[in-house]
PDB file of N, CA and C in Angstrom:
ATOM      1  N   MET A   1      69.421 189.960 -63.665  1.00  0.00           N
ATOM      2  CA  MET A   1      68.180 190.681 -63.526  1.00  0.00           C
ATOM      3  C   MET A   1      67.973 191.046 -62.063  1.00  0.00           C
ATOM      4  N   GLU A   2      67.644 192.283 -61.828  1.00  0.00           N
ATOM      5  CA  GLU A   2      67.405 192.736 -60.462  1.00  0.00           C
ATOM      6  C   GLU A   2      65.956 192.440 -60.071  1.00  0.00           C
ATOM      7  N   ILE A   3      65.784 191.821 -58.939  1.00  0.00           N
ATOM      8  CA  ILE A   3      64.453 191.513 -58.428  1.00  0.00           C
ATOM      9  C   ILE A   3      64.052 192.639 -57.481  1.00  0.00           C
ATOM     10  N   LYS A   4      62.969 193.321 -57.803  1.00  0.00           N
ATOM     11  CA  LYS A   4      62.516 194.448 -56.984  1.00  0.00           C
ATOM     12  C   LYS A   4      61.382 194.016 -56.064  1.00  0.00           C
ATOM     13  N   ASP A   5      61.191 194.800 -55.008  1.00  0.00           N
ATOM     14  CA  ASP A   5      60.123 194.506 -54.053  1.00  0.00           C
ATOM     15  C   ASP A   5      58.754 194.496 -54.720  1.00  0.00           C
ATOM     16  N   GLU A   6      58.568 195.346 -55.725  1.00  0.00           N
ATOM     17  CA  GLU A   6      57.274 195.407 -56.413  1.00  0.00           C
ATOM     18  C   GLU A   6      56.963 194.071 -57.099  1.00  0.00           C
ATOM     19  N   LEU A   7      57.993 193.439 -57.671  1.00  0.00           N
ATOM     20  CA  LEU A   7      57.800 192.144 -58.320  1.00  0.00           C
ATOM     21  C   LEU A   7      57.409 191.083 -57.288  1.00  0.00           C
ATOM     22  N   ILE A   8      58.092 191.080 -56.150  1.00  0.00           N
ATOM     23  CA  ILE A   8      57.773 190.131 -55.082  1.00  0.00           C
ATOM     24  C   ILE A   8      56.342 190.361 -54.595  1.00  0.00           C
ATOM     25  N   ASP A   9      55.967 191.632 -54.410  1.00  0.00           N
ATOM     26  CA  ASP A   9      54.604 191.948 -53.966  1.00  0.00           C
ATOM     27  C   ASP A   9      53.577 191.489 -54.988  1.00  0.00           C
ATOM     28  N   HIS A  10      53.878 191.683 -56.266  1.00  0.00           N
ATOM     29  CA  HIS A  10      52.952 191.287 -57.327  1.00  0.00           C
ATOM     30  C   HIS A  10      52.789 189.763 -57.368  1.00  0.00           C
ATOM     31  N   ILE A  11      53.889 189.047 -57.311  1.00  0.00           N
ATOM     32  CA  ILE A  11      53.836 187.581 -57.322  1.00  0.00           C
ATOM     33  C   ILE A  11      53.107 187.075 -56.077  1.00  0.00           C
ATOM     34  N   ALA A  12      53.387 187.686 -54.934  1.00  0.00           N
ATOM     35  CA  ALA A  12      52.715 187.289 -53.696  1.00  0.00           C
ATOM     36  C   ALA A  12      51.212 187.529 -53.798  1.00  0.00           C
ATOM     37  N   HIS A  13      50.835 188.655 -54.392  1.00  0.00           N
ATOM     38  CA  HIS A  13      49.408 188.949 -54.565  1.00  0.00           C
ATOM     39  C   HIS A  13      48.753 187.911 -55.473  1.00  0.00           C
ATOM     40  N   LEU A  14      49.401 187.562 -56.577  1.00  0.00           N
ATOM     41  CA  LEU A  14      48.841 186.568 -57.492  1.00  0.00           C
ATOM     42  C   LEU A  14      48.677 185.211 -56.816  1.00  0.00           C
ATOM     43  N   ALA A  15      49.612 184.876 -55.942  1.00  0.00           N
ATOM     44  CA  ALA A  15      49.568 183.588 -55.242  1.00  0.00           C
ATOM     45  C   ALA A  15      48.772 183.677 -53.939  1.00  0.00           C
ATOM     46  N   ARG A  16      48.233 184.854 -53.665  1.00  0.00           N
ATOM     47  CA  ARG A  16      47.465 185.107 -52.436  1.00  0.00           C
ATOM     48  C   ARG A  16      48.303 184.799 -51.195  1.00  0.00           C
ATOM     49  N   LEU A  17      49.544 185.299 -51.214  1.00  0.00           N
ATOM     50  CA  LEU A  17      50.464 185.134 -50.097  1.00  0.00           C
ATOM     51  C   LEU A  17      50.827 186.500 -49.546  1.00  0.00           C
ATOM     52  N   SER A  18      51.344 186.522 -48.336  1.00  0.00           N
ATOM     53  CA  SER A  18      51.879 187.766 -47.788  1.00  0.00           C
ATOM     54  C   SER A  18      53.181 187.433 -47.071  1.00  0.00           C
ATOM     55  N   PHE A  19      54.143 188.334 -47.173  1.00  0.00           N
ATOM     56  CA  PHE A  19      55.462 188.097 -46.605  1.00  0.00           C
ATOM     57  C   PHE A  19      55.853 189.237 -45.687  1.00  0.00           C
ATOM     58  N   THR A  20      56.588 188.909 -44.641  1.00  0.00           N
ATOM     59  CA  THR A  20      57.166 189.929 -43.773  1.00  0.00           C
ATOM     60  C   THR A  20      58.455 190.416 -44.421  1.00  0.00           C
ATOM     61  N   GLY A  21      59.090 191.399 -43.827  1.00  0.00           N
ATOM     62  CA  GLY A  21      60.318 191.953 -44.390  1.00  0.00           C
ATOM     63  C   GLY A  21      61.420 190.922 -44.544  1.00  0.00           C
ATOM     64  N   ALA A  22      61.626 190.092 -43.514  1.00  0.00           N
ATOM     65  CA  ALA A  22      62.684 189.078 -43.568  1.00  0.00           C
ATOM     66  C   ALA A  22      62.367 188.021 -44.619  1.00  0.00           C
ATOM     67  N   ASP A  23      61.109 187.605 -44.677  1.00  0.00           N
ATOM     68  CA  ASP A  23      60.708 186.612 -45.678  1.00  0.00           C
ATOM     69  C   ASP A  23      60.872 187.169 -47.083  1.00  0.00           C
ATOM     70  N   LYS A  24      60.496 188.433 -47.254  1.00  0.00           N
ATOM     71  CA  LYS A  24      60.582 189.054 -48.576  1.00  0.00           C
ATOM     72  C   LYS A  24      62.037 189.115 -49.038  1.00  0.00           C
ATOM     73  N   THR A  25      62.940 189.415 -48.120  1.00  0.00           N
ATOM     74  CA  THR A  25      64.369 189.467 -48.456  1.00  0.00           C
ATOM     75  C   THR A  25      64.870 188.087 -48.876  1.00  0.00           C
ATOM     76  N   ALA A  26      64.471 187.057 -48.144  1.00  0.00           N
ATOM     77  CA  ALA A  26      64.899 185.691 -48.474  1.00  0.00           C
ATOM     78  C   ALA A  26      64.331 185.258 -49.822  1.00  0.00           C
ATOM     79  N   ILE A  27      63.073 185.583 -50.076  1.00  0.00           N
ATOM     80  CA  ILE A  27      62.447 185.203 -51.345  1.00  0.00           C
ATOM     81  C   ILE A  27      63.089 185.960 -52.495  1.00  0.00           C
ATOM     82  N   LYS A  28      63.417 187.215 -52.260  1.00  0.00           N
ATOM     83  CA  LYS A  28      64.095 188.015 -53.288  1.00  0.00           C
ATOM     84  C   LYS A  28      65.427 187.366 -53.668  1.00  0.00           C
ATOM     85  N   LYS A  29      66.165 186.916 -52.651  1.00  0.00           N
ATOM     86  CA  LYS A  29      67.458 186.266 -52.899  1.00  0.00           C
ATOM     87  C   LYS A  29      67.256 184.954 -53.663  1.00  0.00           C
ATOM     88  N   ASP A  30      66.292 184.133 -53.221  1.00  0.00           N
ATOM     89  CA  ASP A  30      66.024 182.853 -53.882  1.00  0.00           C
ATOM     90  C   ASP A  30      65.580 183.053 -55.326  1.00  0.00           C
ATOM     91  N   LEU A  31      64.689 184.011 -55.547  1.00  0.00           N
ATOM     92  CA  LEU A  31      64.211 184.277 -56.901  1.00  0.00           C
ATOM     93  C   LEU A  31      65.351 184.771 -57.787  1.00  0.00           C
ATOM     94  N   GLY A  32      66.241 185.578 -57.231  1.00  0.00           N
ATOM     95  CA  GLY A  32      67.417 186.024 -57.977  1.00  0.00           C
ATOM     96  C   GLY A  32      68.304 184.857 -58.375  1.00  0.00           C
ATOM     97  N   ASN A  33      68.492 183.905 -57.448  1.00  0.00           N
ATOM     98  CA  ASN A  33      69.290 182.709 -57.749  1.00  0.00           C
ATOM     99  C   ASN A  33      68.647 181.882 -58.855  1.00  0.00           C
ATOM    100  N   ILE A  34      67.326 181.777 -58.821  1.00  0.00           N
ATOM    101  CA  ILE A  34      66.614 181.016 -59.854  1.00  0.00           C
ATOM    102  C   ILE A  34      66.786 181.677 -61.215  1.00  0.00           C
ATOM    103  N   VAL A  35      66.624 182.994 -61.255  1.00  0.00           N
ATOM    104  CA  VAL A  35      66.769 183.723 -62.523  1.00  0.00           C
ATOM    105  C   VAL A  35      68.199 183.603 -63.040  1.00  0.00           C
ATOM    106  N   ASP A  36      69.187 183.691 -62.158  1.00  0.00           N
ATOM    107  CA  ASP A  36      70.587 183.529 -62.570  1.00  0.00           C
ATOM    108  C   ASP A  36      70.827 182.131 -63.141  1.00  0.00           C
ATOM    109  N   PHE A  37      70.256 181.115 -62.512  1.00  0.00           N
ATOM    110  CA  PHE A  37      70.410 179.746 -62.997  1.00  0.00           C
ATOM    111  C   PHE A  37      69.764 179.592 -64.370  1.00  0.00           C
ATOM    112  N   MET A  38      68.607 180.198 -64.571  1.00  0.00           N
ATOM    113  CA  MET A  38      67.957 180.154 -65.888  1.00  0.00           C
ATOM    114  C   MET A  38      68.850 180.807 -66.943  1.00  0.00           C
ATOM    115  N   GLY A  39      69.550 181.855 -66.564  1.00  0.00           N
ATOM    116  CA  GLY A  39      70.491 182.491 -67.479  1.00  0.00           C
ATOM    117  C   GLY A  39      71.616 181.548 -67.863  1.00  0.00           C
ATOM    118  N   GLN A  40      72.103 180.772 -66.891  1.00  0.00           N
ATOM    119  CA  GLN A  40      73.147 179.786 -67.184  1.00  0.00           C
ATOM    120  C   GLN A  40      72.617 178.717 -68.135  1.00  0.00           C
ATOM    121  N   LEU A  41      71.381 178.284 -67.927  1.00  0.00           N
ATOM    122  CA  LEU A  41      70.794 177.282 -68.818  1.00  0.00           C
ATOM    123  C   LEU A  41      70.634 177.830 -70.233  1.00  0.00           C
ATOM    124  N   ASN A  42      70.261 179.100 -70.343  1.00  0.00           N
ATOM    125  CA  ASN A  42      70.104 179.713 -71.669  1.00  0.00           C
ATOM    126  C   ASN A  42      71.434 179.819 -72.410  1.00  0.00           C
ATOM    127  N   ALA A  43      72.542 179.858 -71.676  1.00  0.00           N
ATOM    128  CA  ALA A  43      73.854 179.990 -72.303  1.00  0.00           C
ATOM    129  C   ALA A  43      74.358 178.673 -72.892  1.00  0.00           C
ATOM    130  N   ILE A  44      73.734 177.573 -72.568  1.00  0.00           N
ATOM    131  CA  ILE A  44      74.172 176.258 -73.055  1.00  0.00           C
ATOM    132  C   ILE A  44      73.785 176.095 -74.521  1.00  0.00           C
ATOM    133  N   ASP A  45      74.739 175.600 -75.318  1.00  0.00           N
ATOM    134  CA  ASP A  45      74.495 175.368 -76.741  1.00  0.00           C
ATOM    135  C   ASP A  45      73.733 174.053 -76.914  1.00  0.00           C
ATOM    136  N   THR A  46      72.520 174.137 -77.426  1.00  0.00           N
ATOM    137  CA  THR A  46      71.688 172.942 -77.607  1.00  0.00           C
ATOM    138  C   THR A  46      71.319 172.722 -79.072  1.00  0.00           C
ATOM    139  N   LYS A  47      72.128 173.239 -79.977  1.00  0.00           N
ATOM    140  CA  LYS A  47      71.815 173.122 -81.410  1.00  0.00           C
ATOM    141  C   LYS A  47      71.742 171.672 -81.875  1.00  0.00           C
ATOM    142  N   ASN A  48      72.645 170.828 -81.412  1.00  0.00           N
ATOM    143  CA  ASN A  48      72.702 169.441 -81.872  1.00  0.00           C
ATOM    144  C   ASN A  48      72.049 168.462 -80.899  1.00  0.00           C
ATOM    145  N   VAL A  49      71.225 168.960 -80.014  1.00  0.00           N
ATOM    146  CA  VAL A  49      70.553 168.105 -79.039  1.00  0.00           C
ATOM    147  C   VAL A  49      69.117 167.880 -79.490  1.00  0.00           C
ATOM    148  N   GLU A  50      68.752 166.611 -79.599  1.00  0.00           N
ATOM    149  CA  GLU A  50      67.396 166.273 -80.015  1.00  0.00           C
ATOM    150  C   GLU A  50      66.425 166.610 -78.874  1.00  0.00           C
ATOM    151  N   PRO A  51      65.293 167.208 -79.199  1.00  0.00           N
ATOM    152  CA  PRO A  51      64.334 167.562 -78.139  1.00  0.00           C
ATOM    153  C   PRO A  51      63.839 166.327 -77.394  1.00  0.00           C
ATOM    154  N   LEU A  52      63.688 166.475 -76.099  1.00  0.00           N
ATOM    155  CA  LEU A  52      63.220 165.386 -75.251  1.00  0.00           C
ATOM    156  C   LEU A  52      61.714 165.516 -75.074  1.00  0.00           C
ATOM    157  N   ILE A  53      60.999 164.494 -75.477  1.00  0.00           N
ATOM    158  CA  ILE A  53      59.547 164.515 -75.345  1.00  0.00           C
ATOM    159  C   ILE A  53      59.136 163.792 -74.070  1.00  0.00           C
ATOM    160  N   TYR A  54      59.735 162.638 -73.801  1.00  0.00           N
ATOM    161  CA  TYR A  54      59.403 161.856 -72.620  1.00  0.00           C
ATOM    162  C   TYR A  54      60.667 161.651 -71.793  1.00  0.00           C
ATOM    163  N   MET A  55      60.490 161.558 -70.481  1.00  0.00           N
ATOM    164  CA  MET A  55      61.630 161.385 -69.591  1.00  0.00           C
ATOM    165  C   MET A  55      62.190 159.968 -69.630  1.00  0.00           C
ATOM    166  N   SER A  56      61.384 158.994 -70.034  1.00  0.00           N
ATOM    167  CA  SER A  56      61.877 157.621 -70.122  1.00  0.00           C
ATOM    168  C   SER A  56      61.277 156.955 -71.351  1.00  0.00           C
ATOM    169  N   GLU A  57      61.823 155.823 -71.702  1.00  0.00           N
ATOM    170  CA  GLU A  57      61.362 155.083 -72.874  1.00  0.00           C
ATOM    171  C   GLU A  57      60.225 154.120 -72.540  1.00  0.00           C
ATOM    172  N   GLU A  58      59.867 154.018 -71.274  1.00  0.00           N
ATOM    173  CA  GLU A  58      58.824 153.084 -70.862  1.00  0.00           C
ATOM    174  C   GLU A  58      57.458 153.573 -71.327  1.00  0.00           C
ATOM    175  N   ILE A  59      56.621 152.627 -71.750  1.00  0.00           N
ATOM    176  CA  ILE A  59      55.287 152.964 -72.232  1.00  0.00           C
ATOM    177  C   ILE A  59      54.267 152.141 -71.455  1.00  0.00           C
ATOM    178  N   ASN A  60      53.251 152.803 -70.947  1.00  0.00           N
ATOM    179  CA  ASN A  60      52.140 152.147 -70.249  1.00  0.00           C
ATOM    180  C   ASN A  60      52.603 151.145 -69.193  1.00  0.00           C
ATOM    181  N   VAL A  61      53.468 151.583 -68.314  1.00  0.00           N
ATOM    182  CA  VAL A  61      53.908 150.724 -67.227  1.00  0.00           C
ATOM    183  C   VAL A  61      52.855 150.816 -66.129  1.00  0.00           C
ATOM    184  N   LEU A  62      52.193 149.702 -65.881  1.00  0.00           N
ATOM    185  CA  LEU A  62      51.125 149.677 -64.896  1.00  0.00           C
ATOM    186  C   LEU A  62      51.459 148.696 -63.789  1.00  0.00           C
ATOM    187  N   ARG A  63      50.966 148.990 -62.630  1.00  0.00           N
ATOM    188  CA  ARG A  63      51.122 148.045 -61.524  1.00  0.00           C
ATOM    189  C   ARG A  63      49.864 147.199 -61.452  1.00  0.00           C
ATOM    190  N   SER A  64      49.969 146.044 -60.851  1.00  0.00           N
ATOM    191  CA  SER A  64      48.774 145.217 -60.699  1.00  0.00           C
ATOM    192  C   SER A  64      47.864 145.870 -59.661  1.00  0.00           C
ATOM    193  N   ASP A  65      46.584 145.844 -59.925  1.00  0.00           N
ATOM    194  CA  ASP A  65      45.610 146.484 -59.057  1.00  0.00           C
ATOM    195  C   ASP A  65      45.217 145.518 -57.952  1.00  0.00           C
ATOM    196  N   VAL A  66      45.776 145.733 -56.781  1.00  0.00           N
ATOM    197  CA  VAL A  66      45.505 144.866 -55.647  1.00  0.00           C
ATOM    198  C   VAL A  66      44.665 145.658 -54.647  1.00  0.00           C
ATOM    199  N   PRO A  67      43.402 145.273 -54.464  1.00  0.00           N
ATOM    200  CA  PRO A  67      42.576 146.017 -53.510  1.00  0.00           C
ATOM    201  C   PRO A  67      43.039 145.780 -52.080  1.00  0.00           C
ATOM    202  N   LYS A  68      43.157 146.854 -51.339  1.00  0.00           N
ATOM    203  CA  LYS A  68      43.524 146.743 -49.932  1.00  0.00           C
ATOM    204  C   LYS A  68      42.982 147.966 -49.209  1.00  0.00           C
ATOM    205  N   GLN A  69      42.812 147.858 -47.923  1.00  0.00           N
ATOM    206  CA  GLN A  69      42.293 148.962 -47.138  1.00  0.00           C
ATOM    207  C   GLN A  69      43.378 149.390 -46.165  1.00  0.00           C
ATOM    208  N   ASP A  70      43.908 150.598 -46.372  1.00  0.00           N
ATOM    209  CA  ASP A  70      44.977 151.099 -45.524  1.00  0.00           C
ATOM    210  C   ASP A  70      44.448 151.739 -44.246  1.00  0.00           C
ATOM    211  N   ILE A  71      43.200 152.191 -44.295  1.00  0.00           N
ATOM    212  CA  ILE A  71      42.633 152.891 -43.155  1.00  0.00           C
ATOM    213  C   ILE A  71      41.272 152.266 -42.851  1.00  0.00           C
ATOM    214  N   SER A  72      40.979 152.136 -41.589  1.00  0.00           N
ATOM    215  CA  SER A  72      39.728 151.469 -41.215  1.00  0.00           C
ATOM    216  C   SER A  72      38.533 152.400 -41.382  1.00  0.00           C
ATOM    217  N   HIS A  73      37.372 151.798 -41.468  1.00  0.00           N
ATOM    218  CA  HIS A  73      36.122 152.538 -41.614  1.00  0.00           C
ATOM    219  C   HIS A  73      35.929 153.493 -40.425  1.00  0.00           C
ATOM    220  N   GLU A  74      36.265 153.033 -39.233  1.00  0.00           N
ATOM    221  CA  GLU A  74      36.117 153.845 -38.023  1.00  0.00           C
ATOM    222  C   GLU A  74      37.041 155.062 -38.061  1.00  0.00           C
ATOM    223  N   GLU A  75      38.273 154.866 -38.538  1.00  0.00           N
ATOM    224  CA  GLU A  75      39.214 155.984 -38.631  1.00  0.00           C
ATOM    225  C   GLU A  75      38.733 157.034 -39.630  1.00  0.00           C
ATOM    226  N   ILE A  76      38.144 156.589 -40.707  1.00  0.00           N
ATOM    227  CA  ILE A  76      37.618 157.520 -41.706  1.00  0.00           C
ATOM    228  C   ILE A  76      36.483 158.335 -41.103  1.00  0.00           C
ATOM    229  N   LEU A  77      35.570 157.673 -40.421  1.00  0.00           N
ATOM    230  CA  LEU A  77      34.424 158.373 -39.831  1.00  0.00           C
ATOM    231  C   LEU A  77      34.827 159.291 -38.679  1.00  0.00           C
ATOM    232  N   LYS A  78      35.981 159.028 -38.066  1.00  0.00           N
ATOM    233  CA  LYS A  78      36.468 159.892 -36.993  1.00  0.00           C
ATOM    234  C   LYS A  78      36.662 161.328 -37.477  1.00  0.00           C
ATOM    235  N   ASN A  79      37.031 161.496 -38.740  1.00  0.00           N
ATOM    236  CA  ASN A  79      37.299 162.821 -39.298  1.00  0.00           C
ATOM    237  C   ASN A  79      36.054 163.508 -39.839  1.00  0.00           C
ATOM    238  N   ALA A  80      34.929 162.834 -39.833  1.00  0.00           N
ATOM    239  CA  ALA A  80      33.704 163.408 -40.394  1.00  0.00           C
ATOM    240  C   ALA A  80      33.115 164.431 -39.431  1.00  0.00           C
ATOM    241  N   PRO A  81      32.725 165.612 -39.943  1.00  0.00           N
ATOM    242  CA  PRO A  81      32.096 166.593 -39.062  1.00  0.00           C
ATOM    243  C   PRO A  81      30.750 166.086 -38.532  1.00  0.00           C
ATOM    244  N   LYS A  82      29.997 165.371 -39.389  1.00  0.00           N
ATOM    245  CA  LYS A  82      28.723 164.777 -38.973  1.00  0.00           C
ATOM    246  C   LYS A  82      28.667 163.364 -39.530  1.00  0.00           C
ATOM    247  N   LYS A  83      28.137 162.453 -38.725  1.00  0.00           N
ATOM    248  CA  LYS A  83      28.013 161.079 -39.196  1.00  0.00           C
ATOM    249  C   LYS A  83      26.722 160.490 -38.653  1.00  0.00           C
ATOM    250  N   ASP A  84      26.236 159.481 -39.333  1.00  0.00           N
ATOM    251  CA  ASP A  84      25.023 158.783 -38.932  1.00  0.00           C
ATOM    252  C   ASP A  84      25.316 157.295 -39.064  1.00  0.00           C
ATOM    253  N   SER A  85      25.535 156.643 -37.946  1.00  0.00           N
ATOM    254  CA  SER A  85      25.873 155.233 -37.930  1.00  0.00           C
ATOM    255  C   SER A  85      27.176 155.006 -38.699  1.00  0.00           C
ATOM    256  N   ASP A  86      27.105 154.364 -39.863  1.00  0.00           N
ATOM    257  CA  ASP A  86      28.317 154.069 -40.636  1.00  0.00           C
ATOM    258  C   ASP A  86      28.489 154.979 -41.843  1.00  0.00           C
ATOM    259  N   TYR A  87      27.779 156.101 -41.879  1.00  0.00           N
ATOM    260  CA  TYR A  87      27.792 156.941 -43.078  1.00  0.00           C
ATOM    261  C   TYR A  87      28.095 158.395 -42.734  1.00  0.00           C
ATOM    262  N   PHE A  88      28.646 159.106 -43.718  1.00  0.00           N
ATOM    263  CA  PHE A  88      28.812 160.544 -43.585  1.00  0.00           C
ATOM    264  C   PHE A  88      27.443 161.204 -43.677  1.00  0.00           C
ATOM    265  N   ARG A  89      27.224 162.232 -42.897  1.00  0.00           N
ATOM    266  CA  ARG A  89      25.980 162.988 -42.978  1.00  0.00           C
ATOM    267  C   ARG A  89      26.315 164.333 -43.615  1.00  0.00           C
ATOM    268  N   ILE A  90      25.622 164.649 -44.711  1.00  0.00           N
ATOM    269  CA  ILE A  90      25.902 165.883 -45.450  1.00  0.00           C
ATOM    270  C   ILE A  90      24.622 166.698 -45.572  1.00  0.00           C
ATOM    271  N   PRO A  91      24.755 167.993 -45.870  1.00  0.00           N
ATOM    272  CA  PRO A  91      23.558 168.804 -46.078  1.00  0.00           C
ATOM    273  C   PRO A  91      22.781 168.309 -47.293  1.00  0.00           C
ATOM    274  N   LYS A  92      21.485 168.558 -47.277  1.00  0.00           N
ATOM    275  CA  LYS A  92      20.614 168.137 -48.368  1.00  0.00           C
ATOM    276  C   LYS A  92      21.055 168.817 -49.666  1.00  0.00           C
ATOM    277  N   VAL A  93      21.179 168.033 -50.740  1.00  0.00           N
ATOM    278  CA  VAL A  93      21.630 168.578 -52.023  1.00  0.00           C
ATOM    279  C   VAL A  93      20.529 168.558 -53.071  1.00  0.00           C
ATOM    280  N   LEU A  94      19.668 167.583 -53.011  1.00  0.00           N
ATOM    281  CA  LEU A  94      18.612 167.447 -54.012  1.00  0.00           C
ATOM    282  C   LEU A  94      17.257 167.749 -53.387  1.00  0.00           C
ATOM    283  N   ASP A  95      16.432 168.420 -54.148  1.00  0.00           N
ATOM    284  CA  ASP A  95      15.082 168.726 -53.704  1.00  0.00           C
ATOM    285  C   ASP A  95      14.121 167.783 -54.416  1.00  0.00           C
ATOM    286  N   LYS A  96      13.311 167.052 -53.665  1.00  0.00           N
ATOM    287  CA  LYS A  96      12.428 166.051 -54.262  1.00  0.00           C
ATOM    288  C   LYS A  96      11.109 166.627 -54.760  1.00  0.00           C
ATOM    289  N   THR A  97      10.868 167.904 -54.546  1.00  0.00           N
ATOM    290  CA  THR A  97       9.595 168.474 -54.987  1.00  0.00           C
ATOM    291  C   THR A  97       9.550 168.582 -56.494  1.00  0.00           C
ATOM    292  N   ILE A  98       8.368 168.339 -57.049  1.00  0.00           N
ATOM    293  CA  ILE A  98       8.168 168.422 -58.499  1.00  0.00           C
ATOM    294  C   ILE A  98       7.299 169.637 -58.777  1.00  0.00           C
ATOM    295  N   ASP A  99       7.727 170.475 -59.692  1.00  0.00           N
ATOM    296  CA  ASP A  99       6.959 171.682 -60.021  1.00  0.00           C
ATOM    297  C   ASP A  99       5.887 171.397 -61.012  1.00  0.00           C
TER     298      ASP A  99
END
């Protein structure tokens, strides 16, 4: 399948991306390789292959829930645009007036 510039432009528009000429050429080549690989996969005979529903036979494998703090309270507040003592400060969301 030939990948045309219009297809790249359309996909880029849908993904809200923009590409320069060199990037567009590289993406065109990569997309062509992907489509060619899909063609190879379609050529494989899978008549006697049972469909795969899950990647592994494990069911409900859970880890133990161990509470821990990886980042300190001060480090978290460092990234806050506004803070008040030990809390994030945010714009008012609820109006307390009763009609």
